[in-house]
Amino acid sequence: LAANIAELRADHHAKTTLLGIVPQMFETRSNEHNRHLKLLAETYG
């Protein structure tokens, strides 16, 4: 999705902007969930 938005902005002069990312179904005890949440924060701030 992020790549699609970047393509639209670069190739079609769209003003579309990624507003935010909402992590869903988060399990605090899940190592996988915590690892992916950290990756999201590092990538998208």
ModelCIF file with pLDDT and N, C-alpha, C, O atoms, coordinates in Angstrom:
data_MODEL
#
_entry.id   MODEL 
#
_entity.id                         1 
_entity.type                       polymer 
_entity.pdbx_number_of_molecules   1 
#
_entity_poly.entity_id                      1 
_entity_poly.type                           'polypeptide(L)' 
_entity_poly.nstd_linkage                   no 
_entity_poly.nstd_monomer                   no 
_entity_poly.pdbx_seq_one_letter_code       LAANIAELRADHHAKTTLLGIVPQMFETRSNEHNRHLKLLAETYG 
_entity_poly.pdbx_seq_one_letter_code_can   LAANIAELRADHHAKTTLLGIVPQMFETRSNEHNRHLKLLAETYG 
_entity_poly.pdbx_strand_id                 A 
#
loop_
_entity_poly_seq.entity_id 
_entity_poly_seq.num 
_entity_poly_seq.mon_id 
_entity_poly_seq.hetero 
1 1  LEU n 
1 2  ALA n 
1 3  ALA n 
1 4  ASN n 
1 5  ILE n 
1 6  ALA n 
1 7  GLU n 
1 8  LEU n 
1 9  ARG n 
1 10 ALA n 
1 11 ASP n 
1 12 HIS n 
1 13 HIS n 
1 14 ALA n 
1 15 LYS n 
1 16 THR n 
1 17 THR n 
1 18 LEU n 
1 19 LEU n 
1 20 GLY n 
1 21 ILE n 
1 22 VAL n 
1 23 PRO n 
1 24 GLN n 
1 25 MET n 
1 26 PHE n 
1 27 GLU n 
1 28 THR n 
1 29 ARG n 
1 30 SER n 
1 31 ASN n 
1 32 GLU n 
1 33 HIS n 
1 34 ASN n 
1 35 ARG n 
1 36 HIS n 
1 37 LEU n 
1 38 LYS n 
1 39 LEU n 
1 40 LEU n 
1 41 ALA n 
1 42 GLU n 
1 43 THR n 
1 44 TYR n 
1 45 GLY n 
#
_struct_asym.id          A 
_struct_asym.entity_id   1 
#
loop_
_ma_qa_metric.id 
_ma_qa_metric.mode 
_ma_qa_metric.name 
_ma_qa_metric.software_group_id 
_ma_qa_metric.type 
1 global pLDDT . pLDDT 
2 local  pLDDT . pLDDT 
#
_ma_qa_metric_global.metric_id      1 
_ma_qa_metric_global.metric_value   93.76 
_ma_qa_metric_global.model_id       1 
_ma_qa_metric_global.ordinal_id     1 
#
loop_
_ma_qa_metric_local.label_asym_id 
_ma_qa_metric_local.label_comp_id 
_ma_qa_metric_local.label_seq_id 
_ma_qa_metric_local.metric_id 
_ma_qa_metric_local.metric_value 
_ma_qa_metric_local.model_id 
_ma_qa_metric_local.ordinal_id 
A LEU 1  2 93.00 1 1  
A ALA 2  2 95.00 1 2  
A ALA 3  2 95.00 1 3  
A ASN 4  2 95.00 1 4  
A ILE 5  2 96.00 1 5  
A ALA 6  2 96.00 1 6  
A GLU 7  2 95.00 1 7  
A LEU 8  2 95.00 1 8  
A ARG 9  2 95.00 1 9  
A ALA 10 2 95.00 1 10 
A ASP 11 2 94.00 1 11 
A HIS 12 2 92.00 1 12 
A HIS 13 2 93.00 1 13 
A ALA 14 2 93.00 1 14 
A LYS 15 2 94.00 1 15 
A THR 16 2 96.00 1 16 
A THR 17 2 97.00 1 17 
A LEU 18 2 97.00 1 18 
A LEU 19 2 97.00 1 19 
A GLY 20 2 97.00 1 20 
A ILE 21 2 97.00 1 21 
A VAL 22 2 95.00 1 22 
A PRO 23 2 94.00 1 23 
A GLN 24 2 92.00 1 24 
A MET 25 2 88.00 1 25 
A PHE 26 2 89.00 1 26 
A GLU 27 2 91.00 1 27 
A THR 28 2 90.00 1 28 
A ARG 29 2 92.00 1 29 
A SER 30 2 92.00 1 30 
A ASN 31 2 93.00 1 31 
A GLU 32 2 92.00 1 32 
A HIS 33 2 93.00 1 33 
A ASN 34 2 93.00 1 34 
A ARG 35 2 93.00 1 35 
A HIS 36 2 92.00 1 36 
A LEU 37 2 93.00 1 37 
A LYS 38 2 93.00 1 38 
A LEU 39 2 92.00 1 39 
A LEU 40 2 93.00 1 40 
A ALA 41 2 94.00 1 41 
A GLU 42 2 94.00 1 42 
A THR 43 2 94.00 1 43 
A TYR 44 2 95.00 1 44 
A GLY 45 2 95.00 1 45 
#
loop_
_atom_site.group_PDB 
_atom_site.id 
_atom_site.type_symbol 
_atom_site.label_atom_id 
_atom_site.label_alt_id 
_atom_site.label_comp_id 
_atom_site.label_asym_id 
_atom_site.label_entity_id 
_atom_site.label_seq_id 
_atom_site.pdbx_PDB_ins_code 
_atom_site.Cartn_x 
_atom_site.Cartn_y 
_atom_site.Cartn_z 
_atom_site.occupancy 
_atom_site.B_iso_or_equiv 
_atom_site.pdbx_formal_charge 
_atom_site.auth_seq_id 
_atom_site.auth_comp_id 
_atom_site.auth_asym_id 
_atom_site.auth_atom_id 
_atom_site.pdbx_PDB_model_num 
ATOM 1   N N  . LEU A 1 1  ? 0.826  -1.203  0.000   1.00 93.00 ? 1  LEU A N  1 
ATOM 2   C CA . LEU A 1 1  ? 0.000  0.000   0.000   1.00 93.00 ? 1  LEU A CA 1 
ATOM 3   C C  . LEU A 1 1  ? 0.861  1.255   0.000   1.00 93.00 ? 1  LEU A C  1 
ATOM 4   O O  . LEU A 1 1  ? 0.588  2.194   -0.748  1.00 93.00 ? 1  LEU A O  1 
ATOM 5   N N  . ALA A 1 2  ? 1.894  1.281   0.828   1.00 95.00 ? 2  ALA A N  1 
ATOM 6   C CA . ALA A 1 2  ? 2.791  2.431   0.872   1.00 95.00 ? 2  ALA A CA 1 
ATOM 7   C C  . ALA A 1 2  ? 3.480  2.645   -0.475  1.00 95.00 ? 2  ALA A C  1 
ATOM 8   O O  . ALA A 1 2  ? 3.683  3.780   -0.907  1.00 95.00 ? 2  ALA A O  1 
ATOM 9   N N  . ALA A 1 3  ? 3.838  1.538   -1.131  1.00 95.00 ? 3  ALA A N  1 
ATOM 10  C CA . ALA A 1 3  ? 4.457  1.641   -2.456  1.00 95.00 ? 3  ALA A CA 1 
ATOM 11  C C  . ALA A 1 3  ? 3.463  2.196   -3.475  1.00 95.00 ? 3  ALA A C  1 
ATOM 12  O O  . ALA A 1 3  ? 3.838  2.989   -4.338  1.00 95.00 ? 3  ALA A O  1 
ATOM 13  N N  . ASN A 1 4  ? 2.196  1.784   -3.379  1.00 95.00 ? 4  ASN A N  1 
ATOM 14  C CA . ASN A 1 4  ? 1.160  2.307   -4.278  1.00 95.00 ? 4  ASN A CA 1 
ATOM 15  C C  . ASN A 1 4  ? 0.983  3.812   -4.110  1.00 95.00 ? 4  ASN A C  1 
ATOM 16  O O  . ASN A 1 4  ? 0.861  4.546   -5.090  1.00 95.00 ? 4  ASN A O  1 
ATOM 17  N N  . ILE A 1 5  ? 0.970  4.262   -2.861  1.00 96.00 ? 5  ILE A N  1 
ATOM 18  C CA . ILE A 1 5  ? 0.820  5.691   -2.593  1.00 96.00 ? 5  ILE A CA 1 
ATOM 19  C C  . ILE A 1 5  ? 2.011  6.468   -3.162  1.00 96.00 ? 5  ILE A C  1 
ATOM 20  O O  . ILE A 1 5  ? 1.837  7.521   -3.776  1.00 96.00 ? 5  ILE A O  1 
ATOM 21  N N  . ALA A 1 6  ? 3.212  5.942   -2.954  1.00 96.00 ? 6  ALA A N  1 
ATOM 22  C CA . ALA A 1 6  ? 4.406  6.594   -3.491  1.00 96.00 ? 6  ALA A CA 1 
ATOM 23  C C  . ALA A 1 6  ? 4.358  6.666   -5.015  1.00 96.00 ? 6  ALA A C  1 
ATOM 24  O O  . ALA A 1 6  ? 4.753  7.672   -5.606  1.00 96.00 ? 6  ALA A O  1 
ATOM 25  N N  . GLU A 1 7  ? 3.875  5.599   -5.650  1.00 95.00 ? 7  GLU A N  1 
ATOM 26  C CA . GLU A 1 7  ? 3.754  5.576   -7.110  1.00 95.00 ? 7  GLU A CA 1 
ATOM 27  C C  . GLU A 1 7  ? 2.763  6.632   -7.595  1.00 95.00 ? 7  GLU A C  1 
ATOM 28  O O  . GLU A 1 7  ? 3.030  7.345   -8.563  1.00 95.00 ? 7  GLU A O  1 
ATOM 29  N N  . LEU A 1 8  ? 1.613  6.729   -6.915  1.00 95.00 ? 8  LEU A N  1 
ATOM 30  C CA . LEU A 1 8  ? 0.602  7.715   -7.306  1.00 95.00 ? 8  LEU A CA 1 
ATOM 31  C C  . LEU A 1 8  ? 1.138  9.135   -7.171  1.00 95.00 ? 8  LEU A C  1 
ATOM 32  O O  . LEU A 1 8  ? 0.877  9.982   -8.026  1.00 95.00 ? 8  LEU A O  1 
ATOM 33  N N  . ARG A 1 9  ? 1.876  9.394   -6.117  1.00 95.00 ? 9  ARG A N  1 
ATOM 34  C CA . ARG A 1 9  ? 2.421  10.736  -5.900  1.00 95.00 ? 9  ARG A CA 1 
ATOM 35  C C  . ARG A 1 9  ? 3.505  11.063  -6.934  1.00 95.00 ? 9  ARG A C  1 
ATOM 36  O O  . ARG A 1 9  ? 3.584  12.194  -7.413  1.00 95.00 ? 9  ARG A O  1 
ATOM 37  N N  . ALA A 1 10 ? 4.334  10.078  -7.276  1.00 95.00 ? 10 ALA A N  1 
ATOM 38  C CA . ALA A 1 10 ? 5.451  10.318  -8.190  1.00 95.00 ? 10 ALA A CA 1 
ATOM 39  C C  . ALA A 1 10 ? 5.010  10.370  -9.655  1.00 95.00 ? 10 ALA A C  1 
ATOM 40  O O  . ALA A 1 10 ? 5.450  11.230  -10.418 1.00 95.00 ? 10 ALA A O  1 
ATOM 41  N N  . ASP A 1 11 ? 4.130  9.430   -10.034 1.00 94.00 ? 11 ASP A N  1 
ATOM 42  C CA . ASP A 1 11 ? 3.791  9.277   -11.450 1.00 94.00 ? 11 ASP A CA 1 
ATOM 43  C C  . ASP A 1 11 ? 2.503  9.980   -11.860 1.00 94.00 ? 11 ASP A C  1 
ATOM 44  O O  . ASP A 1 11 ? 2.319  10.297  -13.036 1.00 94.00 ? 11 ASP A O  1 
ATOM 45  N N  . HIS A 1 12 ? 1.613  10.227  -10.906 1.00 92.00 ? 12 HIS A N  1 
ATOM 46  C CA . HIS A 1 12 ? 0.308  10.801  -11.253 1.00 92.00 ? 12 HIS A CA 1 
ATOM 47  C C  . HIS A 1 12 ? 0.009  12.096  -10.511 1.00 92.00 ? 12 HIS A C  1 
ATOM 48  O O  . HIS A 1 12 ? -1.099 12.626  -10.597 1.00 92.00 ? 12 HIS A O  1 
ATOM 49  N N  . HIS A 1 13 ? 0.994  12.603  -9.785  1.00 93.00 ? 13 HIS A N  1 
ATOM 50  C CA . HIS A 1 13 ? 0.866  13.885  -9.079  1.00 93.00 ? 13 HIS A CA 1 
ATOM 51  C C  . HIS A 1 13 ? -0.302 13.885  -8.090  1.00 93.00 ? 13 HIS A C  1 
ATOM 52  O O  . HIS A 1 13 ? -0.923 14.921  -7.850  1.00 93.00 ? 13 HIS A O  1 
ATOM 53  N N  . ALA A 1 14 ? -0.592 12.728  -7.526  1.00 93.00 ? 14 ALA A N  1 
ATOM 54  C CA . ALA A 1 14 ? -1.650 12.637  -6.522  1.00 93.00 ? 14 ALA A CA 1 
ATOM 55  C C  . ALA A 1 14 ? -1.181 13.295  -5.220  1.00 93.00 ? 14 ALA A C  1 
ATOM 56  O O  . ALA A 1 14 ? 0.013  13.352  -4.926  1.00 93.00 ? 14 ALA A O  1 
ATOM 57  N N  . LYS A 1 15 ? -2.149 13.784  -4.458  1.00 94.00 ? 15 LYS A N  1 
ATOM 58  C CA . LYS A 1 15 ? -1.841 14.405  -3.163  1.00 94.00 ? 15 LYS A CA 1 
ATOM 59  C C  . LYS A 1 15 ? -2.080 13.425  -2.010  1.00 94.00 ? 15 LYS A C  1 
ATOM 60  O O  . LYS A 1 15 ? -2.009 13.801  -0.839  1.00 94.00 ? 15 LYS A O  1 
ATOM 61  N N  . THR A 1 16 ? -2.357 12.198  -2.348  1.00 96.00 ? 16 THR A N  1 
ATOM 62  C CA . THR A 1 16 ? -2.664 11.169  -1.354  1.00 96.00 ? 16 THR A CA 1 
ATOM 63  C C  . THR A 1 16 ? -1.536 11.046  -0.330  1.00 96.00 ? 16 THR A C  1 
ATOM 64  O O  . THR A 1 16 ? -0.361 10.983  -0.691  1.00 96.00 ? 16 THR A O  1 
ATOM 65  N N  . THR A 1 17 ? -1.908 11.014  0.947   1.00 97.00 ? 17 THR A N  1 
ATOM 66  C CA . THR A 1 17 ? -0.932 10.960  2.029   1.00 97.00 ? 17 THR A CA 1 
ATOM 67  C C  . THR A 1 17 ? -1.310 9.844   3.000   1.00 97.00 ? 17 THR A C  1 
ATOM 68  O O  . THR A 1 17 ? -2.483 9.677   3.336   1.00 97.00 ? 17 THR A O  1 
ATOM 69  N N  . LEU A 1 18 ? -0.318 9.088   3.447   1.00 97.00 ? 18 LEU A N  1 
ATOM 70  C CA . LEU A 1 18 ? -0.558 8.070   4.470   1.00 97.00 ? 18 LEU A CA 1 
ATOM 71  C C  . LEU A 1 18 ? -0.802 8.780   5.795   1.00 97.00 ? 18 LEU A C  1 
ATOM 72  O O  . LEU A 1 18 ? 0.096  9.417   6.345   1.00 97.00 ? 18 LEU A O  1 
ATOM 73  N N  . LEU A 1 19 ? -2.022 8.664   6.298   1.00 97.00 ? 19 LEU A N  1 
ATOM 74  C CA . LEU A 1 19 ? -2.414 9.355   7.523   1.00 97.00 ? 19 LEU A CA 1 
ATOM 75  C C  . LEU A 1 19 ? -1.887 8.659   8.763   1.00 97.00 ? 19 LEU A C  1 
ATOM 76  O O  . LEU A 1 19 ? -1.434 9.311   9.704   1.00 97.00 ? 19 LEU A O  1 
ATOM 77  N N  . GLY A 1 20 ? -1.946 7.326   8.764   1.00 97.00 ? 20 GLY A N  1 
ATOM 78  C CA . GLY A 1 20 ? -1.486 6.599   9.930   1.00 97.00 ? 20 GLY A CA 1 
ATOM 79  C C  . GLY A 1 20 ? -1.666 5.104   9.766   1.00 97.00 ? 20 GLY A C  1 
ATOM 80  O O  . GLY A 1 20 ? -2.328 4.635   8.840   1.00 97.00 ? 20 GLY A O  1 
ATOM 81  N N  . ILE A 1 21 ? -1.063 4.367   10.687  1.00 97.00 ? 21 ILE A N  1 
ATOM 82  C CA . ILE A 1 21 ? -1.102 2.909   10.706  1.00 97.00 ? 21 ILE A CA 1 
ATOM 83  C C  . ILE A 1 21 ? -1.663 2.479   12.051  1.00 97.00 ? 21 ILE A C  1 
ATOM 84  O O  . ILE A 1 21 ? -1.172 2.900   13.098  1.00 97.00 ? 21 ILE A O  1 
ATOM 85  N N  . VAL A 1 22 ? -2.687 1.643   12.022  1.00 95.00 ? 22 VAL A N  1 
ATOM 86  C CA . VAL A 1 22 ? -3.371 1.240   13.252  1.00 95.00 ? 22 VAL A CA 1 
ATOM 87  C C  . VAL A 1 22 ? -3.120 -0.243  13.514  1.00 95.00 ? 22 VAL A C  1 
ATOM 88  O O  . VAL A 1 22 ? -3.787 -1.082  12.909  1.00 95.00 ? 22 VAL A O  1 
ATOM 89  N N  . PRO A 1 23 ? -2.185 -0.592  14.389  1.00 94.00 ? 23 PRO A N  1 
ATOM 90  C CA . PRO A 1 23 ? -1.959 -2.004  14.720  1.00 94.00 ? 23 PRO A CA 1 
ATOM 91  C C  . PRO A 1 23 ? -3.192 -2.585  15.431  1.00 94.00 ? 23 PRO A C  1 
ATOM 92  O O  . PRO A 1 23 ? -3.689 -2.021  16.406  1.00 94.00 ? 23 PRO A O  1 
ATOM 93  N N  . GLN A 1 24 ? -3.663 -3.711  14.922  1.00 92.00 ? 24 GLN A N  1 
ATOM 94  C CA . GLN A 1 24 ? -4.877 -4.334  15.444  1.00 92.00 ? 24 GLN A CA 1 
ATOM 95  C C  . GLN A 1 24 ? -4.565 -5.691  16.079  1.00 92.00 ? 24 GLN A C  1 
ATOM 96  O O  . GLN A 1 24 ? -3.553 -6.323  15.775  1.00 92.00 ? 24 GLN A O  1 
ATOM 97  N N  . MET A 1 25 ? -5.461 -6.116  16.964  1.00 88.00 ? 25 MET A N  1 
ATOM 98  C CA . MET A 1 25 ? -5.404 -7.464  17.546  1.00 88.00 ? 25 MET A CA 1 
ATOM 99  C C  . MET A 1 25 ? -4.062 -7.729  18.224  1.00 88.00 ? 25 MET A C  1 
ATOM 100 O O  . MET A 1 25 ? -3.490 -8.814  18.119  1.00 88.00 ? 25 MET A O  1 
ATOM 101 N N  . PHE A 1 26 ? -3.583 -6.709  18.917  1.00 89.00 ? 26 PHE A N  1 
ATOM 102 C CA . PHE A 1 26 ? -2.269 -6.783  19.550  1.00 89.00 ? 26 PHE A CA 1 
ATOM 103 C C  . PHE A 1 26 ? -2.328 -7.620  20.829  1.00 89.00 ? 26 PHE A C  1 
ATOM 104 O O  . PHE A 1 26 ? -3.182 -7.402  21.689  1.00 89.00 ? 26 PHE A O  1 
ATOM 105 N N  . GLU A 1 27 ? -1.414 -8.574  20.938  1.00 91.00 ? 27 GLU A N  1 
ATOM 106 C CA . GLU A 1 27 ? -1.288 -9.402  22.142  1.00 91.00 ? 27 GLU A CA 1 
ATOM 107 C C  . GLU A 1 27 ? 0.031  -9.040  22.831  1.00 91.00 ? 27 GLU A C  1 
ATOM 108 O O  . GLU A 1 27 ? 1.114  -9.275  22.295  1.00 91.00 ? 27 GLU A O  1 
ATOM 109 N N  . THR A 1 28 ? -0.085 -8.473  24.008  1.00 90.00 ? 28 THR A N  1 
ATOM 110 C CA . THR A 1 28 ? 1.101  -7.952  24.692  1.00 90.00 ? 28 THR A CA 1 
ATOM 111 C C  . THR A 1 28 ? 2.123  -9.041  25.005  1.00 90.00 ? 28 THR A C  1 
ATOM 112 O O  . THR A 1 28 ? 3.317  -8.756  25.093  1.00 90.00 ? 28 THR A O  1 
ATOM 113 N N  . ARG A 1 29 ? 1.676  -10.274 25.174  1.00 92.00 ? 29 ARG A N  1 
ATOM 114 C CA . ARG A 1 29 ? 2.586  -11.361 25.514  1.00 92.00 ? 29 ARG A CA 1 
ATOM 115 C C  . ARG A 1 29 ? 3.216  -12.036 24.299  1.00 92.00 ? 29 ARG A C  1 
ATOM 116 O O  . ARG A 1 29 ? 4.053  -12.927 24.441  1.00 92.00 ? 29 ARG A O  1 
ATOM 117 N N  . SER A 1 30 ? 2.817  -11.613 23.123  1.00 92.00 ? 30 SER A N  1 
ATOM 118 C CA . SER A 1 30 ? 3.336  -12.240 21.908  1.00 92.00 ? 30 SER A CA 1 
ATOM 119 C C  . SER A 1 30 ? 4.664  -11.614 21.500  1.00 92.00 ? 30 SER A C  1 
ATOM 120 O O  . SER A 1 30 ? 4.740  -10.416 21.227  1.00 92.00 ? 30 SER A O  1 
ATOM 121 N N  . ASN A 1 31 ? 5.699  -12.429 21.463  1.00 93.00 ? 31 ASN A N  1 
ATOM 122 C CA . ASN A 1 31 ? 7.008  -11.934 21.017  1.00 93.00 ? 31 ASN A CA 1 
ATOM 123 C C  . ASN A 1 31 ? 6.947  -11.451 19.574  1.00 93.00 ? 31 ASN A C  1 
ATOM 124 O O  . ASN A 1 31 ? 7.549  -10.437 19.220  1.00 93.00 ? 31 ASN A O  1 
ATOM 125 N N  . GLU A 1 32 ? 6.203  -12.197 18.738  1.00 92.00 ? 32 GLU A N  1 
ATOM 126 C CA . GLU A 1 32 ? 6.076  -11.808 17.329  1.00 92.00 ? 32 GLU A CA 1 
ATOM 127 C C  . GLU A 1 32 ? 5.409  -10.442 17.201  1.00 92.00 ? 32 GLU A C  1 
ATOM 128 O O  . GLU A 1 32 ? 5.875  -9.588  16.448  1.00 92.00 ? 32 GLU A O  1 
ATOM 129 N N  . HIS A 1 33 ? 4.319  -10.238 17.937  1.00 93.00 ? 33 HIS A N  1 
ATOM 130 C CA . HIS A 1 33 ? 3.615  -8.965  17.861  1.00 93.00 ? 33 HIS A CA 1 
ATOM 131 C C  . HIS A 1 33 ? 4.507  -7.819  18.318  1.00 93.00 ? 33 HIS A C  1 
ATOM 132 O O  . HIS A 1 33 ? 4.546  -6.769  17.677  1.00 93.00 ? 33 HIS A O  1 
ATOM 133 N N  . ASN A 1 34 ? 5.214  -8.012  19.408  1.00 93.00 ? 34 ASN A N  1 
ATOM 134 C CA . ASN A 1 34 ? 6.089  -6.959  19.908  1.00 93.00 ? 34 ASN A CA 1 
ATOM 135 C C  . ASN A 1 34 ? 7.239  -6.678  18.945  1.00 93.00 ? 34 ASN A C  1 
ATOM 136 O O  . ASN A 1 34 ? 7.648  -5.528  18.779  1.00 93.00 ? 34 ASN A O  1 
ATOM 137 N N  . ARG A 1 35 ? 7.755  -7.719  18.317  1.00 93.00 ? 35 ARG A N  1 
ATOM 138 C CA . ARG A 1 35 ? 8.831  -7.542  17.348  1.00 93.00 ? 35 ARG A CA 1 
ATOM 139 C C  . ARG A 1 35 ? 8.344  -6.748  16.131  1.00 93.00 ? 35 ARG A C  1 
ATOM 140 O O  . ARG A 1 35 ? 9.022  -5.835  15.662  1.00 93.00 ? 35 ARG A O  1 
ATOM 141 N N  . HIS A 1 36 ? 7.144  -7.116  15.623  1.00 92.00 ? 36 HIS A N  1 
ATOM 142 C CA . HIS A 1 36 ? 6.601  -6.410  14.463  1.00 92.00 ? 36 HIS A CA 1 
ATOM 143 C C  . HIS A 1 36 ? 6.209  -4.976  14.810  1.00 92.00 ? 36 HIS A C  1 
ATOM 144 O O  . HIS A 1 36 ? 6.363  -4.074  13.986  1.00 92.00 ? 36 HIS A O  1 
ATOM 145 N N  . LEU A 1 37 ? 5.703  -4.762  16.026  1.00 93.00 ? 37 LEU A N  1 
ATOM 146 C CA . LEU A 1 37 ? 5.352  -3.407  16.439  1.00 93.00 ? 37 LEU A CA 1 
ATOM 147 C C  . LEU A 1 37 ? 6.602  -2.523  16.488  1.00 93.00 ? 37 LEU A C  1 
ATOM 148 O O  . LEU A 1 37 ? 6.564  -1.362  16.080  1.00 93.00 ? 37 LEU A O  1 
ATOM 149 N N  . LYS A 1 38 ? 7.691  -3.070  16.982  1.00 93.00 ? 38 LYS A N  1 
ATOM 150 C CA . LYS A 1 38 ? 8.947  -2.326  17.019  1.00 93.00 ? 38 LYS A CA 1 
ATOM 151 C C  . LYS A 1 38 ? 9.428  -2.004  15.607  1.00 93.00 ? 38 LYS A C  1 
ATOM 152 O O  . LYS A 1 38 ? 9.924  -0.907  15.345  1.00 93.00 ? 38 LYS A O  1 
ATOM 153 N N  . LEU A 1 39 ? 9.277  -2.975  14.693  1.00 92.00 ? 39 LEU A N  1 
ATOM 154 C CA . LEU A 1 39 ? 9.681  -2.764  13.302  1.00 92.00 ? 39 LEU A CA 1 
ATOM 155 C C  . LEU A 1 39 ? 8.845  -1.663  12.656  1.00 92.00 ? 39 LEU A C  1 
ATOM 156 O O  . LEU A 1 39 ? 9.368  -0.829  11.917  1.00 92.00 ? 39 LEU A O  1 
ATOM 157 N N  . LEU A 1 40 ? 7.548  -1.668  12.939  1.00 93.00 ? 40 LEU A N  1 
ATOM 158 C CA . LEU A 1 40 ? 6.684  -0.618  12.408  1.00 93.00 ? 40 LEU A CA 1 
ATOM 159 C C  . LEU A 1 40 ? 7.136  0.759   12.898  1.00 93.00 ? 40 LEU A C  1 
ATOM 160 O O  . LEU A 1 40 ? 7.231  1.708   12.120  1.00 93.00 ? 40 LEU A O  1 
ATOM 161 N N  . ALA A 1 41 ? 7.410  0.850   14.191  1.00 94.00 ? 41 ALA A N  1 
ATOM 162 C CA . ALA A 1 41 ? 7.822  2.125   14.774  1.00 94.00 ? 41 ALA A CA 1 
ATOM 163 C C  . ALA A 1 41 ? 9.142  2.604   14.164  1.00 94.00 ? 41 ALA A C  1 
ATOM 164 O O  . ALA A 1 41 ? 9.324  3.797   13.924  1.00 94.00 ? 41 ALA A O  1 
ATOM 165 N N  . GLU A 1 42 ? 10.058 1.666   13.916  1.00 94.00 ? 42 GLU A N  1 
ATOM 166 C CA . GLU A 1 42 ? 11.340 2.036   13.336  1.00 94.00 ? 42 GLU A CA 1 
ATOM 167 C C  . GLU A 1 42 ? 11.193 2.488   11.887  1.00 94.00 ? 42 GLU A C  1 
ATOM 168 O O  . GLU A 1 42 ? 11.940 3.345   11.415  1.00 94.00 ? 42 GLU A O  1 
ATOM 169 N N  . THR A 1 43 ? 10.224 1.905   11.186  1.00 94.00 ? 43 THR A N  1 
ATOM 170 C CA . THR A 1 43 ? 10.056 2.195   9.759   1.00 94.00 ? 43 THR A CA 1 
ATOM 171 C C  . THR A 1 43 ? 9.196  3.427   9.521   1.00 94.00 ? 43 THR A C  1 
ATOM 172 O O  . THR A 1 43 ? 9.515  4.259   8.671   1.00 94.00 ? 43 THR A O  1 
ATOM 173 N N  . TYR A 1 44 ? 8.096  3.544   10.279  1.00 95.00 ? 44 TYR A N  1 
ATOM 174 C CA . TYR A 1 44 ? 7.114  4.588   9.990   1.00 95.00 ? 44 TYR A CA 1 
ATOM 175 C C  . TYR A 1 44 ? 7.013  5.665   11.074  1.00 95.00 ? 44 TYR A C  1 
ATOM 176 O O  . TYR A 1 44 ? 6.292  6.648   10.902  1.00 95.00 ? 44 TYR A O  1 
ATOM 177 N N  . GLY A 1 45 ? 7.722  5.487   12.177  1.00 95.00 ? 45 GLY A N  1 
ATOM 178 C CA . GLY A 1 45 ? 7.791  6.520   13.202  1.00 95.00 ? 45 GLY A CA 1 
ATOM 179 C C  . GLY A 1 45 ? 6.439  6.960   13.735  1.00 95.00 ? 45 GLY A C  1 
ATOM 180 O O  . GLY A 1 45 ? 6.371  7.828   14.605  1.00 95.00 ? 45 GLY A O  1 
#
